[in-house]
Amino acid sequence: MTTFPIKAILAAAIGLGSLAAIPASAMASDTGLRIDVRDRWHQDDRGMRRDRCAPGFALDKAERSGLRRARVVMQTPARIVVEGWRFNHRDRMVFANDRGCPIIRR
């Protein structure tokens, strides 16, 4: 029976000690509520819609994945196909025509 009050006092001491470890700058930060509304159809600086995959972004992503001399061979409303060379043979990557250019097939 005496172990419960000892454990409770120890837990309270640890909790209060952790409050002292919080930096003062974190307590002075903005605590206001911020709501960020983004327009899905908003256009960026180049006039492209952000909800679609730009062919240039798909090429960059394919080259970062190891596809050399990449080029766009087909673009439909649903996907973008990029071909190039990897490990001395032709290879192709297929990207969804959606935000962030997710890879469908490698």
PDB file of N, CA and C in Angstrom:
ATOM      1  N   MET A   1       0.798  -1.192   0.000  1.00  0.00           N
ATOM      2  CA  MET A   1       0.000   0.000   0.000  1.00  0.00           C
ATOM      3  C   MET A   1       0.845   1.263   0.000  1.00  0.00           C
ATOM      4  N   THR A   2       2.015   1.194   0.554  1.00  0.00           N
ATOM      5  CA  THR A   2       2.837   2.399   0.629  1.00  0.00           C
ATOM      6  C   THR A   2       3.591   2.652  -0.671  1.00  0.00           C
ATOM      7  N   THR A   3       3.619   1.702  -1.568  1.00  0.00           N
ATOM      8  CA  THR A   3       4.353   1.916  -2.816  1.00  0.00           C
ATOM      9  C   THR A   3       3.604   2.831  -3.778  1.00  0.00           C
ATOM     10  N   PHE A   4       2.264   2.841  -3.720  1.00  0.00           N
ATOM     11  CA  PHE A   4       1.496   3.698  -4.624  1.00  0.00           C
ATOM     12  C   PHE A   4       1.759   5.179  -4.373  1.00  0.00           C
ATOM     13  N   PRO A   5       1.708   5.679  -3.139  1.00  0.00           N
ATOM     14  CA  PRO A   5       2.009   7.106  -2.948  1.00  0.00           C
ATOM     15  C   PRO A   5       3.446   7.459  -3.329  1.00  0.00           C
ATOM     16  N   ILE A   6       4.368   6.558  -3.106  1.00  0.00           N
ATOM     17  CA  ILE A   6       5.763   6.822  -3.457  1.00  0.00           C
ATOM     18  C   ILE A   6       5.896   6.930  -4.979  1.00  0.00           C
ATOM     19  N   LYS A   7       5.249   6.047  -5.721  1.00  0.00           N
ATOM     20  CA  LYS A   7       5.297   6.087  -7.189  1.00  0.00           C
ATOM     21  C   LYS A   7       4.610   7.338  -7.728  1.00  0.00           C
ATOM     22  N   ALA A   8       3.513   7.750  -7.100  1.00  0.00           N
ATOM     23  CA  ALA A   8       2.809   8.951  -7.545  1.00  0.00           C
ATOM     24  C   ALA A   8       3.656  10.194  -7.320  1.00  0.00           C
ATOM     25  N   ILE A   9       4.322  10.278  -6.158  1.00  0.00           N
ATOM     26  CA  ILE A   9       5.187  11.422  -5.865  1.00  0.00           C
ATOM     27  C   ILE A   9       6.374  11.439  -6.822  1.00  0.00           C
ATOM     28  N   LEU A  10       6.941  10.274  -7.120  1.00  0.00           N
ATOM     29  CA  LEU A  10       8.066  10.186  -8.043  1.00  0.00           C
ATOM     30  C   LEU A  10       7.650  10.605  -9.457  1.00  0.00           C
ATOM     31  N   ALA A  11       6.458  10.188  -9.900  1.00  0.00           N
ATOM     32  CA  ALA A  11       5.964  10.563 -11.231  1.00  0.00           C
ATOM     33  C   ALA A  11       5.718  12.067 -11.313  1.00  0.00           C
ATOM     34  N   ALA A  12       5.178  12.650 -10.239  1.00  0.00           N
ATOM     35  CA  ALA A  12       4.939  14.093 -10.224  1.00  0.00           C
ATOM     36  C   ALA A  12       6.255  14.858 -10.252  1.00  0.00           C
ATOM     37  N   ALA A  13       7.266  14.367  -9.553  1.00  0.00           N
ATOM     38  CA  ALA A  13       8.565  15.035  -9.538  1.00  0.00           C
ATOM     39  C   ALA A  13       9.216  14.984 -10.922  1.00  0.00           C
ATOM     40  N   ILE A  14       9.096  13.863 -11.603  1.00  0.00           N
ATOM     41  CA  ILE A  14       9.664  13.739 -12.953  1.00  0.00           C
ATOM     42  C   ILE A  14       8.922  14.665 -13.915  1.00  0.00           C
ATOM     43  N   GLY A  15       7.597  14.742 -13.789  1.00  0.00           N
ATOM     44  CA  GLY A  15       6.808  15.617 -14.653  1.00  0.00           C
ATOM     45  C   GLY A  15       7.151  17.082 -14.448  1.00  0.00           C
ATOM     46  N   LEU A  16       7.298  17.516 -13.209  1.00  0.00           N
ATOM     47  CA  LEU A  16       7.662  18.904 -12.943  1.00  0.00           C
ATOM     48  C   LEU A  16       9.089  19.201 -13.375  1.00  0.00           C
ATOM     49  N   GLY A  17       9.968  18.220 -13.240  1.00  0.00           N
ATOM     50  CA  GLY A  17      11.351  18.395 -13.684  1.00  0.00           C
ATOM     51  C   GLY A  17      11.446  18.539 -15.195  1.00  0.00           C
ATOM     52  N   SER A  18      10.574  17.853 -15.919  1.00  0.00           N
ATOM     53  CA  SER A  18      10.609  17.965 -17.381  1.00  0.00           C
ATOM     54  C   SER A  18      10.095  19.327 -17.844  1.00  0.00           C
ATOM     55  N   LEU A  19       9.201  19.952 -17.073  1.00  0.00           N
ATOM     56  CA  LEU A  19       8.738  21.291 -17.424  1.00  0.00           C
ATOM     57  C   LEU A  19       9.859  22.308 -17.323  1.00  0.00           C
ATOM     58  N   ALA A  20      10.777  22.087 -16.395  1.00  0.00           N
ATOM     59  CA  ALA A  20      11.892  23.010 -16.247  1.00  0.00           C
ATOM     60  C   ALA A  20      12.868  22.889 -17.420  1.00  0.00           C
ATOM     61  N   ALA A  21      12.838  21.771 -18.119  1.00  0.00           N
ATOM     62  CA  ALA A  21      13.766  21.557 -19.226  1.00  0.00           C
ATOM     63  C   ALA A  21      13.293  22.199 -20.528  1.00  0.00           C
ATOM     64  N   ILE A  22      12.049  22.682 -20.577  1.00  0.00           N
ATOM     65  CA  ILE A  22      11.533  23.306 -21.795  1.00  0.00           C
ATOM     66  C   ILE A  22      12.198  24.665 -21.964  1.00  0.00           C
ATOM     67  N   PRO A  23      12.777  24.934 -23.120  1.00  0.00           N
ATOM     68  CA  PRO A  23      13.435  26.234 -23.322  1.00  0.00           C
ATOM     69  C   PRO A  23      12.433  27.384 -23.263  1.00  0.00           C
ATOM     70  N   ALA A  24      12.905  28.518 -22.817  1.00  0.00           N
ATOM     71  CA  ALA A  24      12.040  29.687 -22.707  1.00  0.00           C
ATOM     72  C   ALA A  24      11.604  30.186 -24.076  1.00  0.00           C
ATOM     73  N   SER A  25      12.431  29.983 -25.099  1.00  0.00           N
ATOM     74  CA  SER A  25      12.063  30.454 -26.433  1.00  0.00           C
ATOM     75  C   SER A  25      10.870  29.680 -26.986  1.00  0.00           C
ATOM     76  N   ALA A  26      10.739  28.424 -26.609  1.00  0.00           N
ATOM     77  CA  ALA A  26       9.601  27.642 -27.080  1.00  0.00           C
ATOM     78  C   ALA A  26       8.319  28.127 -26.422  1.00  0.00           C
ATOM     79  N   MET A  27       8.411  28.597 -25.215  1.00  0.00           N
ATOM     80  CA  MET A  27       7.217  29.083 -24.530  1.00  0.00           C
ATOM     81  C   MET A  27       6.794  30.443 -25.072  1.00  0.00           C
ATOM     82  N   ALA A  28       7.712  31.175 -25.671  1.00  0.00           N
ATOM     83  CA  ALA A  28       7.395  32.492 -26.186  1.00  0.00           C
ATOM     84  C   ALA A  28       6.921  32.449 -27.631  1.00  0.00           C
ATOM     85  N   SER A  29       6.822  31.274 -28.199  1.00  0.00           N
ATOM     86  CA  SER A  29       6.438  31.178 -29.607  1.00  0.00           C
ATOM     87  C   SER A  29       4.956  31.484 -29.793  1.00  0.00           C
ATOM     88  N   ASP A  30       4.565  31.654 -31.033  1.00  0.00           N
ATOM     89  CA  ASP A  30       3.191  31.973 -31.376  1.00  0.00           C
ATOM     90  C   ASP A  30       2.304  30.775 -31.093  1.00  0.00           C
ATOM     91  N   THR A  31       1.264  30.967 -30.357  1.00  0.00           N
ATOM     92  CA  THR A  31       0.343  29.872 -30.041  1.00  0.00           C
ATOM     93  C   THR A  31      -0.983  30.050 -30.754  1.00  0.00           C
ATOM     94  N   GLY A  32      -1.049  30.981 -31.707  1.00  0.00           N
ATOM     95  CA  GLY A  32      -2.288  31.244 -32.424  1.00  0.00           C
ATOM     96  C   GLY A  32      -2.643  30.111 -33.375  1.00  0.00           C
ATOM     97  N   LEU A  33      -3.897  30.012 -33.697  1.00  0.00           N
ATOM     98  CA  LEU A  33      -4.380  28.995 -34.622  1.00  0.00           C
ATOM     99  C   LEU A  33      -4.245  29.527 -36.042  1.00  0.00           C
ATOM    100  N   ARG A  34      -3.657  28.736 -36.908  1.00  0.00           N
ATOM    101  CA  ARG A  34      -3.468  29.141 -38.288  1.00  0.00           C
ATOM    102  C   ARG A  34      -4.154  28.126 -39.195  1.00  0.00           C
ATOM    103  N   ILE A  35      -4.983  28.610 -40.086  1.00  0.00           N
ATOM    104  CA  ILE A  35      -5.661  27.745 -41.052  1.00  0.00           C
ATOM    105  C   ILE A  35      -5.141  28.118 -42.428  1.00  0.00           C
ATOM    106  N   ASP A  36      -4.596  27.131 -43.138  1.00  0.00           N
ATOM    107  CA  ASP A  36      -4.012  27.369 -44.444  1.00  0.00           C
ATOM    108  C   ASP A  36      -4.947  26.778 -45.500  1.00  0.00           C
ATOM    109  N   VAL A  37      -5.530  27.619 -46.299  1.00  0.00           N
ATOM    110  CA  VAL A  37      -6.438  27.172 -47.350  1.00  0.00           C
ATOM    111  C   VAL A  37      -5.697  27.231 -48.667  1.00  0.00           C
ATOM    112  N   ARG A  38      -5.645  26.106 -49.356  1.00  0.00           N
ATOM    113  CA  ARG A  38      -4.959  26.053 -50.639  1.00  0.00           C
ATOM    114  C   ARG A  38      -5.957  25.769 -51.739  1.00  0.00           C
ATOM    115  N   ASP A  39      -5.811  26.507 -52.800  1.00  0.00           N
ATOM    116  CA  ASP A  39      -6.688  26.342 -53.938  1.00  0.00           C
ATOM    117  C   ASP A  39      -6.101  25.269 -54.847  1.00  0.00           C
ATOM    118  N   ARG A  40      -6.861  24.217 -55.096  1.00  0.00           N
ATOM    119  CA  ARG A  40      -6.351  23.113 -55.902  1.00  0.00           C
ATOM    120  C   ARG A  40      -6.055  23.551 -57.332  1.00  0.00           C
ATOM    121  N   TRP A  41      -6.782  24.514 -57.826  1.00  0.00           N
ATOM    122  CA  TRP A  41      -6.625  24.940 -59.213  1.00  0.00           C
ATOM    123  C   TRP A  41      -5.714  26.151 -59.336  1.00  0.00           C
ATOM    124  N   HIS A  42      -5.030  26.497 -58.285  1.00  0.00           N
ATOM    125  CA  HIS A  42      -4.136  27.648 -58.313  1.00  0.00           C
ATOM    126  C   HIS A  42      -2.968  27.392 -59.266  1.00  0.00           C
ATOM    127  N   GLN A  43      -2.574  28.403 -60.004  1.00  0.00           N
ATOM    128  CA  GLN A  43      -1.475  28.259 -60.950  1.00  0.00           C
ATOM    129  C   GLN A  43      -0.195  28.796 -60.346  1.00  0.00           C
ATOM    130  N   ASP A  44       0.909  28.119 -60.627  1.00  0.00           N
ATOM    131  CA  ASP A  44       2.190  28.598 -60.118  1.00  0.00           C
ATOM    132  C   ASP A  44       2.755  29.668 -61.055  1.00  0.00           C
ATOM    133  N   ASP A  45       3.999  30.069 -60.836  1.00  0.00           N
ATOM    134  CA  ASP A  45       4.604  31.164 -61.590  1.00  0.00           C
ATOM    135  C   ASP A  45       4.736  30.874 -63.081  1.00  0.00           C
ATOM    136  N   ARG A  46       4.856  29.619 -63.460  1.00  0.00           N
ATOM    137  CA  ARG A  46       5.027  29.279 -64.871  1.00  0.00           C
ATOM    138  C   ARG A  46       3.690  29.066 -65.572  1.00  0.00           C
ATOM    139  N   GLY A  47       2.569  29.253 -64.858  1.00  0.00           N
ATOM    140  CA  GLY A  47       1.258  29.096 -65.467  1.00  0.00           C
ATOM    141  C   GLY A  47       0.787  27.659 -65.518  1.00  0.00           C
ATOM    142  N   MET A  48       1.456  26.744 -64.792  1.00  0.00           N
ATOM    143  CA  MET A  48       1.063  25.346 -64.801  1.00  0.00           C
ATOM    144  C   MET A  48       0.197  25.061 -63.586  1.00  0.00           C
ATOM    145  N   ARG A  49      -0.762  24.180 -63.757  1.00  0.00           N
ATOM    146  CA  ARG A  49      -1.605  23.819 -62.628  1.00  0.00           C
ATOM    147  C   ARG A  49      -0.836  22.897 -61.701  1.00  0.00           C
ATOM    148  N   ARG A  50      -0.960  23.118 -60.425  1.00  0.00           N
ATOM    149  CA  ARG A  50      -0.200  22.336 -59.441  1.00  0.00           C
ATOM    150  C   ARG A  50      -0.769  20.946 -59.201  1.00  0.00           C
ATOM    151  N   ASP A  51      -1.978  20.688 -59.656  1.00  0.00           N
ATOM    152  CA  ASP A  51      -2.575  19.389 -59.399  1.00  0.00           C
ATOM    153  C   ASP A  51      -2.189  18.358 -60.452  1.00  0.00           C
ATOM    154  N   ARG A  52      -1.349  18.725 -61.389  1.00  0.00           N
ATOM    155  CA  ARG A  52      -0.901  17.819 -62.450  1.00  0.00           C
ATOM    156  C   ARG A  52       0.604  17.651 -62.401  1.00  0.00           C
ATOM    157  N   CYS A  53       1.088  16.618 -63.075  1.00  0.00           N
ATOM    158  CA  CYS A  53       2.522  16.339 -63.163  1.00  0.00           C
ATOM    159  C   CYS A  53       3.057  17.016 -64.425  1.00  0.00           C
ATOM    160  N   ALA A  54       4.011  17.902 -64.248  1.00  0.00           N
ATOM    161  CA  ALA A  54       4.623  18.564 -65.397  1.00  0.00           C
ATOM    162  C   ALA A  54       5.619  17.605 -66.052  1.00  0.00           C
ATOM    163  N   PRO A  55       5.700  17.582 -67.386  1.00  0.00           N
ATOM    164  CA  PRO A  55       6.643  16.679 -68.050  1.00  0.00           C
ATOM    165  C   PRO A  55       8.091  16.929 -67.623  1.00  0.00           C
ATOM    166  N   GLY A  56       8.450  18.177 -67.394  1.00  0.00           N
ATOM    167  CA  GLY A  56       9.809  18.481 -66.942  1.00  0.00           C
ATOM    168  C   GLY A  56      10.094  17.901 -65.569  1.00  0.00           C
ATOM    169  N   PHE A  57       9.092  17.926 -64.688  1.00  0.00           N
ATOM    170  CA  PHE A  57       9.271  17.349 -63.361  1.00  0.00           C
ATOM    171  C   PHE A  57       9.392  15.835 -63.447  1.00  0.00           C
ATOM    172  N   ALA A  58       8.635  15.211 -64.351  1.00  0.00           N
ATOM    173  CA  ALA A  58       8.736  13.757 -64.548  1.00  0.00           C
ATOM    174  C   ALA A  58      10.120  13.390 -65.083  1.00  0.00           C
ATOM    175  N   LEU A  59      10.665  14.194 -65.998  1.00  0.00           N
ATOM    176  CA  LEU A  59      12.020  13.939 -66.508  1.00  0.00           C
ATOM    177  C   LEU A  59      13.050  14.050 -65.391  1.00  0.00           C
ATOM    178  N   ASP A  60      12.944  15.098 -64.572  1.00  0.00           N
ATOM    179  CA  ASP A  60      13.886  15.260 -63.460  1.00  0.00           C
ATOM    180  C   ASP A  60      13.808  14.088 -62.496  1.00  0.00           C
ATOM    181  N   LYS A  61      12.591  13.657 -62.204  1.00  0.00           N
ATOM    182  CA  LYS A  61      12.413  12.547 -61.271  1.00  0.00           C
ATOM    183  C   LYS A  61      12.976  11.242 -61.851  1.00  0.00           C
ATOM    184  N   ALA A  62      12.810  11.039 -63.158  1.00  0.00           N
ATOM    185  CA  ALA A  62      13.350   9.838 -63.808  1.00  0.00           C
ATOM    186  C   ALA A  62      14.878   9.857 -63.796  1.00  0.00           C
ATOM    187  N   GLU A  63      15.469  11.021 -64.057  1.00  0.00           N
ATOM    188  CA  GLU A  63      16.933  11.114 -64.045  1.00  0.00           C
ATOM    189  C   GLU A  63      17.493  10.917 -62.638  1.00  0.00           C
ATOM    190  N   ARG A  64      16.784  11.415 -61.628  1.00  0.00           N
ATOM    191  CA  ARG A  64      17.228  11.183 -60.249  1.00  0.00           C
ATOM    192  C   ARG A  64      17.120   9.721 -59.862  1.00  0.00           C
ATOM    193  N   SER A  65      16.216   8.981 -60.540  1.00  0.00           N
ATOM    194  CA  SER A  65      16.062   7.558 -60.260  1.00  0.00           C
ATOM    195  C   SER A  65      17.067   6.703 -61.023  1.00  0.00           C
ATOM    196  N   GLY A  66      17.897   7.322 -61.864  1.00  0.00           N
ATOM    197  CA  GLY A  66      18.934   6.575 -62.554  1.00  0.00           C
ATOM    198  C   GLY A  66      18.711   6.372 -64.030  1.00  0.00           C
ATOM    199  N   LEU A  67      17.685   6.962 -64.592  1.00  0.00           N
ATOM    200  CA  LEU A  67      17.419   6.838 -66.019  1.00  0.00           C
ATOM    201  C   LEU A  67      18.234   7.906 -66.756  1.00  0.00           C
ATOM    202  N   ARG A  68      19.124   7.476 -67.655  1.00  0.00           N
ATOM    203  CA  ARG A  68      19.985   8.417 -68.377  1.00  0.00           C
ATOM    204  C   ARG A  68      19.368   8.766 -69.731  1.00  0.00           C
ATOM    205  N   ARG A  69      19.646   9.965 -70.223  1.00  0.00           N
ATOM    206  CA  ARG A  69      19.125  10.467 -71.492  1.00  0.00           C
ATOM    207  C   ARG A  69      17.610  10.272 -71.584  1.00  0.00           C
ATOM    208  N   ALA A  70      16.922  10.666 -70.542  1.00  0.00           N
ATOM    209  CA  ALA A  70      15.474  10.473 -70.461  1.00  0.00           C
ATOM    210  C   ALA A  70      14.740  11.445 -71.375  1.00  0.00           C
ATOM    211  N   ARG A  71      13.618  10.981 -71.922  1.00  0.00           N
ATOM    212  CA  ARG A  71      12.781  11.831 -72.753  1.00  0.00           C
ATOM    213  C   ARG A  71      11.331  11.364 -72.607  1.00  0.00           C
ATOM    214  N   VAL A  72      10.417  12.291 -72.719  1.00  0.00           N
ATOM    215  CA  VAL A  72       8.987  11.978 -72.633  1.00  0.00           C
ATOM    216  C   VAL A  72       8.549  11.418 -73.978  1.00  0.00           C
ATOM    217  N   VAL A  73       7.969  10.215 -73.982  1.00  0.00           N
ATOM    218  CA  VAL A  73       7.532   9.596 -75.235  1.00  0.00           C
ATOM    219  C   VAL A  73       6.019   9.628 -75.392  1.00  0.00           C
ATOM    220  N   MET A  74       5.285   9.748 -74.266  1.00  0.00           N
ATOM    221  CA  MET A  74       3.833   9.795 -74.376  1.00  0.00           C
ATOM    222  C   MET A  74       3.274  10.518 -73.155  1.00  0.00           C
ATOM    223  N   GLN A  75       2.268  11.344 -73.403  1.00  0.00           N
ATOM    224  CA  GLN A  75       1.596  12.043 -72.317  1.00  0.00           C
ATOM    225  C   GLN A  75       0.102  11.978 -72.558  1.00  0.00           C
ATOM    226  N   THR A  76      -0.627  11.409 -71.608  1.00  0.00           N
ATOM    227  CA  THR A  76      -2.077  11.327 -71.674  1.00  0.00           C
ATOM    228  C   THR A  76      -2.642  12.047 -70.451  1.00  0.00           C
ATOM    229  N   PRO A  77      -3.947  12.218 -70.382  1.00  0.00           N
ATOM    230  CA  PRO A  77      -4.505  12.831 -69.177  1.00  0.00           C
ATOM    231  C   PRO A  77      -4.277  12.007 -67.911  1.00  0.00           C
ATOM    232  N   ALA A  78      -3.971  10.723 -68.058  1.00  0.00           N
ATOM    233  CA  ALA A  78      -3.797   9.869 -66.888  1.00  0.00           C
ATOM    234  C   ALA A  78      -2.341   9.588 -66.539  1.00  0.00           C
ATOM    235  N   ARG A  79      -1.436   9.637 -67.528  1.00  0.00           N
ATOM    236  CA  ARG A  79      -0.054   9.243 -67.232  1.00  0.00           C
ATOM    237  C   ARG A  79       0.937   9.926 -68.162  1.00  0.00           C
ATOM    238  N   ILE A  80       2.209   9.867 -67.742  1.00  0.00           N
ATOM    239  CA  ILE A  80       3.333  10.370 -68.533  1.00  0.00           C
ATOM    240  C   ILE A  80       4.361   9.255 -68.605  1.00  0.00           C
ATOM    241  N   VAL A  81       4.762   8.889 -69.820  1.00  0.00           N
ATOM    242  CA  VAL A  81       5.729   7.813 -70.023  1.00  0.00           C
ATOM    243  C   VAL A  81       7.070   8.434 -70.403  1.00  0.00           C
ATOM    244  N   VAL A  82       8.113   8.029 -69.674  1.00  0.00           N
ATOM    245  CA  VAL A  82       9.469   8.535 -69.892  1.00  0.00           C
ATOM    246  C   VAL A  82      10.356   7.342 -70.232  1.00  0.00           C
ATOM    247  N   GLU A  83      11.117   7.455 -71.328  1.00  0.00           N
ATOM    248  CA  GLU A  83      12.057   6.392 -71.717  1.00  0.00           C
ATOM    249  C   GLU A  83      13.476   6.915 -71.633  1.00  0.00           C
ATOM    250  N   GLY A  84      14.398   5.998 -71.419  1.00  0.00           N
ATOM    251  CA  GLY A  84      15.804   6.344 -71.361  1.00  0.00           C
ATOM    252  C   GLY A  84      16.641   5.083 -71.255  1.00  0.00           C
ATOM    253  N   TRP A  85      17.874   5.249 -70.773  1.00  0.00           N
ATOM    254  CA  TRP A  85      18.805   4.132 -70.679  1.00  0.00           C
ATOM    255  C   TRP A  85      19.188   3.901 -69.225  1.00  0.00           C
ATOM    256  N   ARG A  86      19.200   2.616 -68.848  1.00  0.00           N
ATOM    257  CA  ARG A  86      19.648   2.218 -67.522  1.00  0.00           C
ATOM    258  C   ARG A  86      20.363   0.875 -67.655  1.00  0.00           C
ATOM    259  N   PHE A  87      21.586   0.829 -67.167  1.00  0.00           N
ATOM    260  CA  PHE A  87      22.391  -0.396 -67.195  1.00  0.00           C
ATOM    261  C   PHE A  87      22.503  -0.980 -68.606  1.00  0.00           C
ATOM    262  N   ASN A  88      22.796  -0.134 -69.584  1.00  0.00           N
ATOM    263  CA  ASN A  88      23.043  -0.524 -70.978  1.00  0.00           C
ATOM    264  C   ASN A  88      21.850  -1.182 -71.666  1.00  0.00           C
ATOM    265  N   HIS A  89      20.667  -0.883 -71.230  1.00  0.00           N
ATOM    266  CA  HIS A  89      19.484  -1.310 -71.971  1.00  0.00           C
ATOM    267  C   HIS A  89      18.402  -0.241 -71.823  1.00  0.00           C
ATOM    268  N   ARG A  90      17.478  -0.231 -72.767  1.00  0.00           N
ATOM    269  CA  ARG A  90      16.398   0.757 -72.728  1.00  0.00           C
ATOM    270  C   ARG A  90      15.463   0.433 -71.584  1.00  0.00           C
ATOM    271  N   ASP A  91      15.024   1.477 -70.922  1.00  0.00           N
ATOM    272  CA  ASP A  91      14.111   1.295 -69.805  1.00  0.00           C
ATOM    273  C   ASP A  91      13.047   2.370 -69.879  1.00  0.00           C
ATOM    274  N   ARG A  92      11.953   2.154 -69.184  1.00  0.00           N
ATOM    275  CA  ARG A  92      10.844   3.098 -69.230  1.00  0.00           C
ATOM    276  C   ARG A  92      10.257   3.232 -67.835  1.00  0.00           C
ATOM    277  N   MET A  93       9.836   4.439 -67.518  1.00  0.00           N
ATOM    278  CA  MET A  93       9.148   4.717 -66.256  1.00  0.00           C
ATOM    279  C   MET A  93       7.816   5.371 -66.598  1.00  0.00           C
ATOM    280  N   VAL A  94       6.784   4.998 -65.864  1.00  0.00           N
ATOM    281  CA  VAL A  94       5.451   5.552 -66.088  1.00  0.00           C
ATOM    282  C   VAL A  94       5.040   6.298 -64.823  1.00  0.00           C
ATOM    283  N   PHE A  95       4.672   7.564 -64.991  1.00  0.00           N
ATOM    284  CA  PHE A  95       4.263   8.408 -63.881  1.00  0.00           C
ATOM    285  C   PHE A  95       2.780   8.719 -64.009  1.00  0.00           C
ATOM    286  N   ALA A  96       2.088   8.782 -62.883  1.00  0.00           N
ATOM    287  CA  ALA A  96       0.693   9.213 -62.887  1.00  0.00           C
ATOM    288  C   ALA A  96       0.661  10.720 -63.115  1.00  0.00           C
ATOM    289  N   ASN A  97      -0.286  11.180 -63.892  1.00  0.00           N
ATOM    290  CA  ASN A  97      -0.412  12.604 -64.169  1.00  0.00           C
ATOM    291  C   ASN A  97      -1.188  13.246 -63.019  1.00  0.00           C
ATOM    292  N   ASP A  98      -0.551  13.234 -61.847  1.00  0.00           N
ATOM    293  CA  ASP A  98      -1.155  13.744 -60.627  1.00  0.00           C
ATOM    294  C   ASP A  98      -0.111  14.526 -59.853  1.00  0.00           C
ATOM    295  N   ARG A  99      -0.487  15.206 -58.825  1.00  0.00           N
ATOM    296  CA  ARG A  99       0.424  16.032 -58.033  1.00  0.00           C
ATOM    297  C   ARG A  99       1.583  15.199 -57.496  1.00  0.00           C
ATOM    298  N   GLY A 100       2.814  15.660 -57.712  1.00  0.00           N
ATOM    299  CA  GLY A 100       3.991  14.979 -57.234  1.00  0.00           C
ATOM    300  C   GLY A 100       4.528  13.912 -58.156  1.00  0.00           C
ATOM    301  N   CYS A 101       3.893  13.636 -59.253  1.00  0.00           N
ATOM    302  CA  CYS A 101       4.299  12.623 -60.242  1.00  0.00           C
ATOM    303  C   CYS A 101       4.602  11.271 -59.588  1.00  0.00           C
ATOM    304  N   PRO A 102       3.621  10.625 -58.976  1.00  0.00           N
ATOM    305  CA  PRO A 102       3.894   9.316 -58.399  1.00  0.00           C
ATOM    306  C   PRO A 102       4.226   8.281 -59.479  1.00  0.00           C
ATOM    307  N   ILE A 103       5.162   7.382 -59.163  1.00  0.00           N
ATOM    308  CA  ILE A 103       5.590   6.364 -60.117  1.00  0.00           C
ATOM    309  C   ILE A 103       4.553   5.237 -60.150  1.00  0.00           C
ATOM    310  N   ILE A 104       4.044   4.932 -61.343  1.00  0.00           N
ATOM    311  CA  ILE A 104       3.113   3.821 -61.500  1.00  0.00           C
ATOM    312  C   ILE A 104       3.879   2.539 -61.786  1.00  0.00           C
ATOM    313  N   ARG A 105       4.804   2.629 -62.757  1.00  0.00           N
ATOM    314  CA  ARG A 105       5.550   1.447 -63.181  1.00  0.00           C
ATOM    315  C   ARG A 105       6.974   1.827 -63.443  1.00  0.00           C
ATOM    316  N   ARG A 106       7.871   0.941 -63.138  1.00  0.00           N
ATOM    317  CA  ARG A 106       9.294   1.175 -63.367  1.00  0.00           C
ATOM    318  C   ARG A 106       9.819   0.218 -64.405  1.00  0.00           C
TER     319      ARG A 106
END
